[in-house]
């Protein structure tokens, strides 16, 4: 089963989107190719947050 990242804060430009990118980069460095991203508790996401999710998906997709 792939690792699950549960996001429970606002996903915005200030910090959490950068944290998501770093976490995904670390998982890729360990050889992880699939990740479950649980956004069920995210109450707000700006365009930077959407960008972080899409970029993370694309990085993982490139390696699988």
Protein backbone atom coordinates (compact mmCIF):
# COMPACT_ATOMS: atom_id res chain seq x y z
CA UNK A 1 0.00 0.00 0.00
CA UNK A 2 1.38 3.45 -0.89
CA UNK A 3 2.17 5.97 1.85
CA UNK A 4 -0.72 8.21 2.84
CA UNK A 5 -0.19 11.94 3.29
CA UNK A 6 -3.10 13.42 5.24
CA UNK A 7 -3.32 17.17 4.80
CA UNK A 8 -5.36 18.91 7.49
CA UNK A 9 -4.46 22.58 7.04
CA UNK A 10 -5.00 25.25 4.45
CA UNK A 11 -2.99 24.40 1.34
CA UNK A 12 -1.74 27.84 0.37
CA UNK A 13 1.41 29.49 -0.88
CA UNK A 14 2.82 30.59 2.47
CA UNK A 15 4.11 27.26 3.79
CA UNK A 16 2.07 24.08 3.41
CA UNK A 17 2.42 23.83 -0.38
CA UNK A 18 6.22 23.97 -0.04
CA UNK A 19 6.04 21.33 2.68
CA UNK A 20 3.99 19.08 0.39
CA UNK A 21 6.56 19.45 -2.40
CA UNK A 22 9.40 18.59 0.01
CA UNK A 23 7.58 15.56 1.41
CA UNK A 24 6.90 14.19 -2.06
CA UNK A 25 10.53 14.81 -3.07
CA UNK A 26 11.67 12.87 0.00
CA UNK A 27 9.35 9.99 -0.80
CA UNK A 28 10.61 9.88 -4.39
CA UNK A 29 14.21 9.87 -3.13
CA UNK A 30 13.33 6.75 -1.08
CA UNK A 31 11.96 5.04 -4.17
CA UNK A 32 8.26 5.62 -3.56
CA UNK A 33 6.25 5.70 -6.79
CA UNK A 34 2.70 5.95 -5.43
CA UNK A 35 1.24 8.19 -2.73
CA UNK A 36 -2.29 8.59 -1.39
CA UNK A 37 -2.96 12.29 -0.78
CA UNK A 38 -5.93 12.72 1.57
CA UNK A 39 -7.30 16.25 1.23
CA UNK A 40 -10.52 15.49 3.11
CA UNK A 41 -9.72 17.92 5.94
CA UNK A 42 -8.51 20.78 3.75
CA UNK A 43 -11.04 23.60 4.00
CA UNK A 44 -9.28 25.99 1.62
CA UNK A 45 -6.75 25.65 -1.16
CA UNK A 46 -5.49 28.53 -3.30
CA UNK A 47 -3.94 28.23 -6.75
CA UNK A 48 -0.50 27.62 -5.23
CA UNK A 49 -1.90 24.65 -3.35
CA UNK A 50 -3.46 23.27 -6.52
CA UNK A 51 -0.13 23.79 -8.28
CA UNK A 52 1.69 21.86 -5.53
CA UNK A 53 -0.72 18.93 -5.88
CA UNK A 54 -0.44 18.86 -9.69
CA UNK A 55 3.36 19.15 -9.65
CA UNK A 56 3.60 16.38 -7.06
CA UNK A 57 1.37 14.16 -9.19
CA UNK A 58 3.45 14.88 -12.29
CA UNK A 59 6.73 14.12 -10.48
CA UNK A 60 5.39 10.76 -9.32
CA UNK A 61 3.88 9.97 -12.73
CA UNK A 62 7.23 10.63 -14.47
CA UNK A 63 8.88 7.95 -12.35
CA UNK A 64 6.30 5.21 -12.69
